[in-house]
Amino acid sequence: MDTTGWDGVAAALEDVDFPANKQDLVNHVRQRQADDRTVRLVRAMPLGVYRNISEVRSSVRLDPAADDGLDASQTAARARSPHSGRIAQHLREPQTPGPLDETA
């Protein structure tokens, strides 16, 4: 299984029996031989008992920039955006260098 993000978690947990605690979910994705990112996402979930896949979805911490397909430099450019603080970072357009900002 070589998927990333929520799709990987959902695929790895499609046949899990609920309710399940965090350790049950971690063990399940490992038994399903999920990729490393999927295991890390499940391991990063808060401790607790999850009653259904919706509760799992609410607890999986995903990076919004990763879903946009941005690399680290593009994410940094987005963070430097001149927008006011009222626009969430993952919604900002990346700032492109102007003619004076480029190095010759």
PDB file of N, CA and C in Angstrom:
ATOM      1  N   MET A   1       0.849  -1.179   0.000  1.00  0.00           N
ATOM      2  CA  MET A   1       0.000   0.000   0.000  1.00  0.00           C
ATOM      3  C   MET A   1       0.888   1.232   0.000  1.00  0.00           C
ATOM      4  N   ASP A   2       0.800   2.044  -1.042  1.00  0.00           N
ATOM      5  CA  ASP A   2       1.671   3.199  -1.169  1.00  0.00           C
ATOM      6  C   ASP A   2       0.848   4.453  -1.419  1.00  0.00           C
ATOM      7  N   THR A   3      -0.010   4.784  -0.484  1.00  0.00           N
ATOM      8  CA  THR A   3      -0.818   5.996  -0.592  1.00  0.00           C
ATOM      9  C   THR A   3      -0.366   6.970   0.477  1.00  0.00           C
ATOM     10  N   THR A   4      -0.792   8.201   0.360  1.00  0.00           N
ATOM     11  CA  THR A   4      -0.398   9.202   1.345  1.00  0.00           C
ATOM     12  C   THR A   4      -1.622   9.926   1.866  1.00  0.00           C
ATOM     13  N   GLY A   5      -1.441  10.580   2.999  1.00  0.00           N
ATOM     14  CA  GLY A   5      -2.504  11.387   3.566  1.00  0.00           C
ATOM     15  C   GLY A   5      -3.693  10.581   4.047  1.00  0.00           C
ATOM     16  N   TRP A   6      -4.839  11.248   4.031  1.00  0.00           N
ATOM     17  CA  TRP A   6      -6.047  10.626   4.565  1.00  0.00           C
ATOM     18  C   TRP A   6      -6.440   9.378   3.791  1.00  0.00           C
ATOM     19  N   ASP A   7      -6.225   9.372   2.486  1.00  0.00           N
ATOM     20  CA  ASP A   7      -6.585   8.196   1.690  1.00  0.00           C
ATOM     21  C   ASP A   7      -5.869   6.946   2.189  1.00  0.00           C
ATOM     22  N   GLY A   8      -4.613   7.095   2.563  1.00  0.00           N
ATOM     23  CA  GLY A   8      -3.851   5.961   3.090  1.00  0.00           C
ATOM     24  C   GLY A   8      -4.389   5.478   4.414  1.00  0.00           C
ATOM     25  N   VAL A   9      -4.738   6.418   5.283  1.00  0.00           N
ATOM     26  CA  VAL A   9      -5.295   6.052   6.589  1.00  0.00           C
ATOM     27  C   VAL A   9      -6.642   5.362   6.405  1.00  0.00           C
ATOM     28  N   ALA A  10      -7.494   5.935   5.573  1.00  0.00           N
ATOM     29  CA  ALA A  10      -8.823   5.352   5.346  1.00  0.00           C
ATOM     30  C   ALA A  10      -8.710   3.947   4.759  1.00  0.00           C
ATOM     31  N   ALA A  11      -7.804   3.759   3.819  1.00  0.00           N
ATOM     32  CA  ALA A  11      -7.634   2.441   3.207  1.00  0.00           C
ATOM     33  C   ALA A  11      -7.111   1.422   4.211  1.00  0.00           C
ATOM     34  N   ALA A  12      -6.188   1.849   5.060  1.00  0.00           N
ATOM     35  CA  ALA A  12      -5.608   0.931   6.043  1.00  0.00           C
ATOM     36  C   ALA A  12      -6.607   0.562   7.135  1.00  0.00           C
ATOM     37  N   LEU A  13      -7.575   1.431   7.389  1.00  0.00           N
ATOM     38  CA  LEU A  13      -8.545   1.184   8.463  1.00  0.00           C
ATOM     39  C   LEU A  13      -9.916   0.751   7.952  1.00  0.00           C
ATOM     40  N   GLU A  14     -10.022   0.423   6.667  1.00  0.00           N
ATOM     41  CA  GLU A  14     -11.340   0.122   6.109  1.00  0.00           C
ATOM     42  C   GLU A  14     -12.022  -1.082   6.749  1.00  0.00           C
ATOM     43  N   ASP A  15     -11.261  -2.009   7.321  1.00  0.00           N
ATOM     44  CA  ASP A  15     -11.885  -3.202   7.907  1.00  0.00           C
ATOM     45  C   ASP A  15     -11.644  -3.308   9.418  1.00  0.00           C
ATOM     46  N   VAL A  16     -11.316  -2.194  10.060  1.00  0.00           N
ATOM     47  CA  VAL A  16     -11.087  -2.220  11.504  1.00  0.00           C
ATOM     48  C   VAL A  16     -12.429  -2.295  12.233  1.00  0.00           C
ATOM     49  N   ASP A  17     -12.427  -2.959  13.373  1.00  0.00           N
ATOM     50  CA  ASP A  17     -13.631  -3.058  14.197  1.00  0.00           C
ATOM     51  C   ASP A  17     -13.668  -1.908  15.198  1.00  0.00           C
ATOM     52  N   PHE A  18     -14.746  -1.137  15.156  1.00  0.00           N
ATOM     53  CA  PHE A  18     -14.939  -0.043  16.109  1.00  0.00           C
ATOM     54  C   PHE A  18     -15.883  -0.499  17.191  1.00  0.00           C
ATOM     55  N   PRO A  19     -15.775   0.029  18.390  1.00  0.00           N
ATOM     56  CA  PRO A  19     -14.832   1.032  18.851  1.00  0.00           C
ATOM     57  C   PRO A  19     -13.420   0.452  18.974  1.00  0.00           C
ATOM     58  N   ALA A  20     -12.438   1.347  18.814  1.00  0.00           N
ATOM     59  CA  ALA A  20     -11.034   0.948  18.888  1.00  0.00           C
ATOM     60  C   ALA A  20     -10.239   2.078  19.524  1.00  0.00           C
ATOM     61  N   ASN A  21      -9.291   1.700  20.366  1.00  0.00           N
ATOM     62  CA  ASN A  21      -8.439   2.740  20.939  1.00  0.00           C
ATOM     63  C   ASN A  21      -7.278   3.009  19.992  1.00  0.00           C
ATOM     64  N   LYS A  22      -6.484   4.025  20.310  1.00  0.00           N
ATOM     65  CA  LYS A  22      -5.392   4.430  19.432  1.00  0.00           C
ATOM     66  C   LYS A  22      -4.438   3.280  19.171  1.00  0.00           C
ATOM     67  N   GLN A  23      -4.059   2.539  20.202  1.00  0.00           N
ATOM     68  CA  GLN A  23      -3.107   1.444  20.021  1.00  0.00           C
ATOM     69  C   GLN A  23      -3.673   0.348  19.120  1.00  0.00           C
ATOM     70  N   ASP A  24      -4.965   0.093  19.230  1.00  0.00           N
ATOM     71  CA  ASP A  24      -5.604  -0.871  18.322  1.00  0.00           C
ATOM     72  C   ASP A  24      -5.475  -0.412  16.871  1.00  0.00           C
ATOM     73  N   LEU A  25      -5.673   0.873  16.643  1.00  0.00           N
ATOM     74  CA  LEU A  25      -5.583   1.420  15.289  1.00  0.00           C
ATOM     75  C   LEU A  25      -4.152   1.351  14.753  1.00  0.00           C
ATOM     76  N   VAL A  26      -3.183   1.682  15.609  1.00  0.00           N
ATOM     77  CA  VAL A  26      -1.767   1.603  15.210  1.00  0.00           C
ATOM     78  C   VAL A  26      -1.415   0.161  14.853  1.00  0.00           C
ATOM     79  N   ASN A  27      -1.817  -0.780  15.704  1.00  0.00           N
ATOM     80  CA  ASN A  27      -1.536  -2.189  15.429  1.00  0.00           C
ATOM     81  C   ASN A  27      -2.185  -2.639  14.123  1.00  0.00           C
ATOM     82  N   HIS A  28      -3.398  -2.159  13.871  1.00  0.00           N
ATOM     83  CA  HIS A  28      -4.118  -2.563  12.668  1.00  0.00           C
ATOM     84  C   HIS A  28      -3.406  -2.072  11.400  1.00  0.00           C
ATOM     85  N   VAL A  29      -2.985  -0.803  11.378  1.00  0.00           N
ATOM     86  CA  VAL A  29      -2.317  -0.296  10.166  1.00  0.00           C
ATOM     87  C   VAL A  29      -0.970  -0.980   9.956  1.00  0.00           C
ATOM     88  N   ARG A  30      -0.305  -1.338  11.048  1.00  0.00           N
ATOM     89  CA  ARG A  30       0.963  -2.081  10.909  1.00  0.00           C
ATOM     90  C   ARG A  30       0.715  -3.478  10.355  1.00  0.00           C
ATOM     91  N   GLN A  31      -0.326  -4.150  10.816  1.00  0.00           N
ATOM     92  CA  GLN A  31      -0.653  -5.480  10.303  1.00  0.00           C
ATOM     93  C   GLN A  31      -1.039  -5.427   8.829  1.00  0.00           C
ATOM     94  N   ARG A  32      -1.647  -4.336   8.420  1.00  0.00           N
ATOM     95  CA  ARG A  32      -2.030  -4.160   7.009  1.00  0.00           C
ATOM     96  C   ARG A  32      -0.834  -3.748   6.155  1.00  0.00           C
ATOM     97  N   GLN A  33       0.324  -3.588   6.792  1.00  0.00           N
ATOM     98  CA  GLN A  33       1.573  -3.181   6.133  1.00  0.00           C
ATOM     99  C   GLN A  33       1.410  -1.860   5.391  1.00  0.00           C
ATOM    100  N   ALA A  34       0.817  -0.900   6.087  1.00  0.00           N
ATOM    101  CA  ALA A  34       0.638   0.437   5.532  1.00  0.00           C
ATOM    102  C   ALA A  34       1.997   1.122   5.403  1.00  0.00           C
ATOM    103  N   ASP A  35       2.064   2.126   4.524  1.00  0.00           N
ATOM    104  CA  ASP A  35       3.314   2.853   4.333  1.00  0.00           C
ATOM    105  C   ASP A  35       3.655   3.648   5.591  1.00  0.00           C
ATOM    106  N   ASP A  36       4.907   4.101   5.667  1.00  0.00           N
ATOM    107  CA  ASP A  36       5.404   4.790   6.864  1.00  0.00           C
ATOM    108  C   ASP A  36       4.602   6.045   7.198  1.00  0.00           C
ATOM    109  N   ARG A  37       4.212   6.801   6.193  1.00  0.00           N
ATOM    110  CA  ARG A  37       3.462   8.039   6.471  1.00  0.00           C
ATOM    111  C   ARG A  37       2.120   7.727   7.116  1.00  0.00           C
ATOM    112  N   THR A  38       1.451   6.694   6.647  1.00  0.00           N
ATOM    113  CA  THR A  38       0.163   6.312   7.219  1.00  0.00           C
ATOM    114  C   THR A  38       0.330   5.901   8.675  1.00  0.00           C
ATOM    115  N   VAL A  39       1.354   5.114   8.963  1.00  0.00           N
ATOM    116  CA  VAL A  39       1.611   4.701  10.348  1.00  0.00           C
ATOM    117  C   VAL A  39       1.903   5.920  11.214  1.00  0.00           C
ATOM    118  N   ARG A  40       2.708   6.868  10.703  1.00  0.00           N
ATOM    119  CA  ARG A  40       3.022   8.077  11.482  1.00  0.00           C
ATOM    120  C   ARG A  40       1.766   8.899  11.756  1.00  0.00           C
ATOM    121  N   LEU A  41       0.885   9.022  10.753  1.00  0.00           N
ATOM    122  CA  LEU A  41      -0.345   9.794  10.954  1.00  0.00           C
ATOM    123  C   LEU A  41      -1.222   9.165  12.037  1.00  0.00           C
ATOM    124  N   VAL A  42      -1.331   7.849  12.044  1.00  0.00           N
ATOM    125  CA  VAL A  42      -2.151   7.179  13.058  1.00  0.00           C
ATOM    126  C   VAL A  42      -1.470   7.270  14.423  1.00  0.00           C
ATOM    127  N   ARG A  43      -0.155   7.116  14.459  1.00  0.00           N
ATOM    128  CA  ARG A  43       0.556   7.223  15.740  1.00  0.00           C
ATOM    129  C   ARG A  43       0.465   8.622  16.336  1.00  0.00           C
ATOM    130  N   ALA A  44       0.296   9.645  15.488  1.00  0.00           N
ATOM    131  CA  ALA A  44       0.217  11.031  15.969  1.00  0.00           C
ATOM    132  C   ALA A  44      -1.157  11.403  16.502  1.00  0.00           C
ATOM    133  N   MET A  45      -2.115  10.513  16.374  1.00  0.00           N
ATOM    134  CA  MET A  45      -3.462  10.807  16.869  1.00  0.00           C
ATOM    135  C   MET A  45      -3.473  10.867  18.397  1.00  0.00           C
ATOM    136  N   PRO A  46      -4.376  11.656  18.967  1.00  0.00           N
ATOM    137  CA  PRO A  46      -4.495  11.711  20.426  1.00  0.00           C
ATOM    138  C   PRO A  46      -4.973  10.371  20.995  1.00  0.00           C
ATOM    139  N   LEU A  47      -4.591  10.112  22.225  1.00  0.00           N
ATOM    140  CA  LEU A  47      -5.071   8.916  22.916  1.00  0.00           C
ATOM    141  C   LEU A  47      -6.581   8.999  23.056  1.00  0.00           C
ATOM    142  N   GLY A  48      -7.222   7.872  22.984  1.00  0.00           N
ATOM    143  CA  GLY A  48      -8.665   7.856  23.150  1.00  0.00           C
ATOM    144  C   GLY A  48      -9.271   6.630  22.508  1.00  0.00           C
ATOM    145  N   VAL A  49     -10.567   6.511  22.673  1.00  0.00           N
ATOM    146  CA  VAL A  49     -11.328   5.432  22.049  1.00  0.00           C
ATOM    147  C   VAL A  49     -12.139   6.070  20.925  1.00  0.00           C
ATOM    148  N   TYR A  50     -12.002   5.522  19.733  1.00  0.00           N
ATOM    149  CA  TYR A  50     -12.666   6.041  18.541  1.00  0.00           C
ATOM    150  C   TYR A  50     -13.845   5.138  18.206  1.00  0.00           C
ATOM    151  N   ARG A  51     -15.026   5.750  18.063  1.00  0.00           N
ATOM    152  CA  ARG A  51     -16.241   4.974  17.825  1.00  0.00           C
ATOM    153  C   ARG A  51     -16.491   4.664  16.363  1.00  0.00           C
ATOM    154  N   ASN A  52     -15.894   5.475  15.454  1.00  0.00           N
ATOM    155  CA  ASN A  52     -16.122   5.279  14.024  1.00  0.00           C
ATOM    156  C   ASN A  52     -15.033   5.976  13.221  1.00  0.00           C
ATOM    157  N   ILE A  53     -15.071   5.795  11.913  1.00  0.00           N
ATOM    158  CA  ILE A  53     -14.044   6.365  11.043  1.00  0.00           C
ATOM    159  C   ILE A  53     -14.118   7.891  11.011  1.00  0.00           C
ATOM    160  N   SER A  54     -15.297   8.470  11.251  1.00  0.00           N
ATOM    161  CA  SER A  54     -15.422   9.932  11.299  1.00  0.00           C
ATOM    162  C   SER A  54     -14.622  10.522  12.452  1.00  0.00           C
ATOM    163  N   GLU A  55     -14.641   9.850  13.592  1.00  0.00           N
ATOM    164  CA  GLU A  55     -13.857  10.329  14.726  1.00  0.00           C
ATOM    165  C   GLU A  55     -12.363  10.210  14.439  1.00  0.00           C
ATOM    166  N   VAL A  56     -11.987   9.164  13.719  1.00  0.00           N
ATOM    167  CA  VAL A  56     -10.585   9.025  13.323  1.00  0.00           C
ATOM    168  C   VAL A  56     -10.222  10.164  12.382  1.00  0.00           C
ATOM    169  N   ARG A  57     -11.072  10.431  11.400  1.00  0.00           N
ATOM    170  CA  ARG A  57     -10.812  11.498  10.421  1.00  0.00           C
ATOM    171  C   ARG A  57     -10.644  12.841  11.108  1.00  0.00           C
ATOM    172  N   SER A  58     -11.418  13.094  12.130  1.00  0.00           N
ATOM    173  CA  SER A  58     -11.322  14.362  12.856  1.00  0.00           C
ATOM    174  C   SER A  58     -10.029  14.476  13.658  1.00  0.00           C
ATOM    175  N   SER A  59      -9.404  13.348  13.952  1.00  0.00           N
ATOM    176  CA  SER A  59      -8.220  13.343  14.799  1.00  0.00           C
ATOM    177  C   SER A  59      -6.909  13.218  14.039  1.00  0.00           C
ATOM    178  N   VAL A  60      -6.959  12.845  12.778  1.00  0.00           N
ATOM    179  CA  VAL A  60      -5.732  12.709  11.993  1.00  0.00           C
ATOM    180  C   VAL A  60      -5.256  14.104  11.623  1.00  0.00           C
ATOM    181  N   ARG A  61      -4.003  14.382  11.951  1.00  0.00           N
ATOM    182  CA  ARG A  61      -3.432  15.701  11.693  1.00  0.00           C
ATOM    183  C   ARG A  61      -2.762  15.699  10.323  1.00  0.00           C
ATOM    184  N   LEU A  62      -3.395  16.367   9.382  1.00  0.00           N
ATOM    185  CA  LEU A  62      -2.850  16.460   8.030  1.00  0.00           C
ATOM    186  C   LEU A  62      -2.310  17.858   7.791  1.00  0.00           C
ATOM    187  N   ASP A  63      -1.251  17.942   7.001  1.00  0.00           N
ATOM    188  CA  ASP A  63      -0.668  19.220   6.620  1.00  0.00           C
ATOM    189  C   ASP A  63      -1.408  19.733   5.388  1.00  0.00           C
ATOM    190  N   PRO A  64      -2.116  20.866   5.479  1.00  0.00           N
ATOM    191  CA  PRO A  64      -2.867  21.356   4.317  1.00  0.00           C
ATOM    192  C   PRO A  64      -1.983  21.608   3.104  1.00  0.00           C
ATOM    193  N   ALA A  65      -0.726  22.047   3.316  1.00  0.00           N
ATOM    194  CA  ALA A  65       0.174  22.321   2.199  1.00  0.00           C
ATOM    195  C   ALA A  65       0.524  21.046   1.455  1.00  0.00           C
ATOM    196  N   ALA A  66       0.598  19.927   2.152  1.00  0.00           N
ATOM    197  CA  ALA A  66       0.925  18.665   1.493  1.00  0.00           C
ATOM    198  C   ALA A  66      -0.175  18.278   0.518  1.00  0.00           C
ATOM    199  N   ASP A  67      -1.413  18.565   0.854  1.00  0.00           N
ATOM    200  CA  ASP A  67      -2.523  18.272  -0.049  1.00  0.00           C
ATOM    201  C   ASP A  67      -2.494  19.157  -1.288  1.00  0.00           C
ATOM    202  N   ASP A  68      -1.862  20.332  -1.177  1.00  0.00           N
ATOM    203  CA  ASP A  68      -1.747  21.242  -2.315  1.00  0.00           C
ATOM    204  C   ASP A  68      -0.603  20.849  -3.234  1.00  0.00           C
ATOM    205  N   GLY A  69       0.245  19.904  -2.820  1.00  0.00           N
ATOM    206  CA  GLY A  69       1.373  19.480  -3.636  1.00  0.00           C
ATOM    207  C   GLY A  69       2.526  20.458  -3.630  1.00  0.00           C
ATOM    208  N   LEU A  70       2.674  21.240  -2.561  1.00  0.00           N
ATOM    209  CA  LEU A  70       3.746  22.219  -2.483  1.00  0.00           C
ATOM    210  C   LEU A  70       4.989  21.605  -1.843  1.00  0.00           C
ATOM    211  N   ASP A  71       6.153  22.033  -2.320  1.00  0.00           N
ATOM    212  CA  ASP A  71       7.382  21.594  -1.666  1.00  0.00           C
ATOM    213  C   ASP A  71       7.720  22.592  -0.546  1.00  0.00           C
ATOM    214  N   ALA A  72       8.823  22.362   0.154  1.00  0.00           N
ATOM    215  CA  ALA A  72       9.175  23.191   1.316  1.00  0.00           C
ATOM    216  C   ALA A  72       9.400  24.652   0.938  1.00  0.00           C
ATOM    217  N   SER A  73      10.051  24.916  -0.187  1.00  0.00           N
ATOM    218  CA  SER A  73      10.314  26.307  -0.569  1.00  0.00           C
ATOM    219  C   SER A  73       9.022  27.036  -0.936  1.00  0.00           C
ATOM    220  N   GLN A  74       8.087  26.338  -1.570  1.00  0.00           N
ATOM    221  CA  GLN A  74       6.808  26.958  -1.902  1.00  0.00           C
ATOM    222  C   GLN A  74       5.983  27.228  -0.651  1.00  0.00           C
ATOM    223  N   THR A  75       6.051  26.321   0.324  1.00  0.00           N
ATOM    224  CA  THR A  75       5.356  26.530   1.585  1.00  0.00           C
ATOM    225  C   THR A  75       5.939  27.737   2.313  1.00  0.00           C
ATOM    226  N   ALA A  76       7.265  27.881   2.294  1.00  0.00           N
ATOM    227  CA  ALA A  76       7.916  29.030   2.930  1.00  0.00           C
ATOM    228  C   ALA A  76       7.529  30.328   2.223  1.00  0.00           C
ATOM    229  N   ALA A  77       7.446  30.289   0.903  1.00  0.00           N
ATOM    230  CA  ALA A  77       7.040  31.479   0.154  1.00  0.00           C
ATOM    231  C   ALA A  77       5.617  31.880   0.516  1.00  0.00           C
ATOM    232  N   ARG A  78       4.769  30.895   0.697  1.00  0.00           N
ATOM    233  CA  ARG A  78       3.385  31.172   1.088  1.00  0.00           C
ATOM    234  C   ARG A  78       3.350  31.825   2.472  1.00  0.00           C
ATOM    235  N   ALA A  79       4.224  31.378   3.374  1.00  0.00           N
ATOM    236  CA  ALA A  79       4.272  31.938   4.728  1.00  0.00           C
ATOM    237  C   ALA A  79       4.737  33.392   4.703  1.00  0.00           C
ATOM    238  N   ARG A  80       5.583  33.755   3.730  1.00  0.00           N
ATOM    239  CA  ARG A  80       6.085  35.132   3.619  1.00  0.00           C
ATOM    240  C   ARG A  80       5.132  36.043   2.862  1.00  0.00           C
ATOM    241  N   SER A  81       4.009  35.533   2.477  1.00  0.00           N
ATOM    242  CA  SER A  81       3.048  36.294   1.694  1.00  0.00           C
ATOM    243  C   SER A  81       2.695  37.597   2.401  1.00  0.00           C
ATOM    244  N   PRO A  82       2.518  38.679   1.640  1.00  0.00           N
ATOM    245  CA  PRO A  82       2.210  39.973   2.255  1.00  0.00           C
ATOM    246  C   PRO A  82       0.769  40.116   2.720  1.00  0.00           C
ATOM    247  N   HIS A  83      -0.031  39.061   2.617  1.00  0.00           N
ATOM    248  CA  HIS A  83      -1.421  39.132   3.055  1.00  0.00           C
ATOM    249  C   HIS A  83      -1.495  39.426   4.546  1.00  0.00           C
ATOM    250  N   SER A  84      -2.592  39.989   4.935  1.00  0.00           N
ATOM    251  CA  SER A  84      -2.795  40.254   6.355  1.00  0.00           C
ATOM    252  C   SER A  84      -2.895  38.950   7.121  1.00  0.00           C
ATOM    253  N   GLY A  85      -2.801  39.015   8.404  1.00  0.00           N
ATOM    254  CA  GLY A  85      -2.878  37.832   9.252  1.00  0.00           C
ATOM    255  C   GLY A  85      -4.258  37.199   9.291  1.00  0.00           C
ATOM    256  N   ARG A  86      -5.228  37.790   8.600  1.00  0.00           N
ATOM    257  CA  ARG A  86      -6.583  37.252   8.620  1.00  0.00           C
ATOM    258  C   ARG A  86      -6.807  36.145   7.596  1.00  0.00           C
ATOM    259  N   ILE A  87      -5.808  35.856   6.767  1.00  0.00           N
ATOM    260  CA  ILE A  87      -5.934  34.792   5.776  1.00  0.00           C
ATOM    261  C   ILE A  87      -5.060  33.631   6.226  1.00  0.00           C
ATOM    262  N   ALA A  88      -5.650  32.467   6.361  1.00  0.00           N
ATOM    263  CA  ALA A  88      -4.898  31.297   6.801  1.00  0.00           C
ATOM    264  C   ALA A  88      -3.740  31.033   5.844  1.00  0.00           C
ATOM    265  N   GLN A  89      -2.618  30.615   6.397  1.00  0.00           N
ATOM    266  CA  GLN A  89      -1.415  30.426   5.602  1.00  0.00           C
ATOM    267  C   GLN A  89      -1.631  29.468   4.434  1.00  0.00           C
ATOM    268  N   HIS A  90      -2.367  28.378   4.655  1.00  0.00           N
ATOM    269  CA  HIS A  90      -2.545  27.407   3.574  1.00  0.00           C
ATOM    270  C   HIS A  90      -3.470  27.901   2.463  1.00  0.00           C
ATOM    271  N   LEU A  91      -4.131  29.058   2.674  1.00  0.00           N
ATOM    272  CA  LEU A  91      -5.001  29.628   1.649  1.00  0.00           C
ATOM    273  C   LEU A  91      -4.322  30.758   0.869  1.00  0.00           C
ATOM    274  N   ARG A  92      -3.140  31.171   1.309  1.00  0.00           N
ATOM    275  CA  ARG A  92      -2.446  32.281   0.657  1.00  0.00           C
ATOM    276  C   ARG A  92      -1.796  31.830  -0.648  1.00  0.00           C
ATOM    277  N   GLU A  93      -1.672  32.761  -1.563  1.00  0.00           N
ATOM    278  CA  GLU A  93      -0.920  32.509  -2.787  1.00  0.00           C
ATOM    279  C   GLU A  93       0.562  32.667  -2.464  1.00  0.00           C
ATOM    280  N   PRO A  94       1.422  31.777  -2.978  1.00  0.00           N
ATOM    281  CA  PRO A  94       2.861  31.940  -2.736  1.00  0.00           C
ATOM    282  C   PRO A  94       3.349  33.247  -3.341  1.00  0.00           C
ATOM    283  N   GLN A  95       4.233  33.923  -2.624  1.00  0.00           N
ATOM    284  CA  GLN A  95       4.786  35.181  -3.109  1.00  0.00           C
ATOM    285  C   GLN A  95       5.860  34.875  -4.138  1.00  0.00           C
ATOM    286  N   THR A  96       5.742  35.486  -5.311  1.00  0.00           N
ATOM    287  CA  THR A  96       6.755  35.273  -6.339  1.00  0.00           C
ATOM    288  C   THR A  96       7.779  36.405  -6.252  1.00  0.00           C
ATOM    289  N   PRO A  97       9.055  36.093  -6.454  1.00  0.00           N
ATOM    290  CA  PRO A  97      10.071  37.152  -6.357  1.00  0.00           C
ATOM    291  C   PRO A  97       9.898  38.176  -7.463  1.00  0.00           C
ATOM    292  N   GLY A  98      10.087  39.439  -7.125  1.00  0.00           N
ATOM    293  CA  GLY A  98      10.029  40.511  -8.104  1.00  0.00           C
ATOM    294  C   GLY A  98      11.361  40.652  -8.804  1.00  0.00           C
ATOM    295  N   PRO A  99      11.463  41.566  -9.771  1.00  0.00           N
ATOM    296  CA  PRO A  99      12.711  41.714 -10.528  1.00  0.00           C
ATOM    297  C   PRO A  99      13.883  42.174  -9.666  1.00  0.00           C
ATOM    298  N   LEU A 100      13.612  42.905  -8.581  1.00  0.00           N
ATOM    299  CA  LEU A 100      14.695  43.366  -7.712  1.00  0.00           C
ATOM    300  C   LEU A 100      15.122  42.292  -6.715  1.00  0.00           C
ATOM    301  N   ASP A 101      14.266  41.298  -6.505  1.00  0.00           N
ATOM    302  CA  ASP A 101      14.567  40.251  -5.541  1.00  0.00           C
ATOM    303  C   ASP A 101      15.435  39.142  -6.128  1.00  0.00           C
ATOM    304  N   GLU A 102      15.500  39.062  -7.457  1.00  0.00           N
ATOM    305  CA  GLU A 102      16.236  37.980  -8.084  1.00  0.00           C
ATOM    306  C   GLU A 102      17.730  38.293  -8.068  1.00  0.00           C
ATOM    307  N   THR A 103      18.513  37.251  -7.926  1.00  0.00           N
ATOM    308  CA  THR A 103      19.958  37.412  -7.946  1.00  0.00           C
ATOM    309  C   THR A 103      20.460  37.138  -9.355  1.00  0.00           C
ATOM    310  N   ALA A 104      21.446  37.900  -9.764  1.00  0.00           N
ATOM    311  CA  ALA A 104      21.966  37.743 -11.123  1.00  0.00           C
ATOM    312  C   ALA A 104      23.045  36.694 -11.187  1.00  0.00           C
TER     313      ALA A 104
END
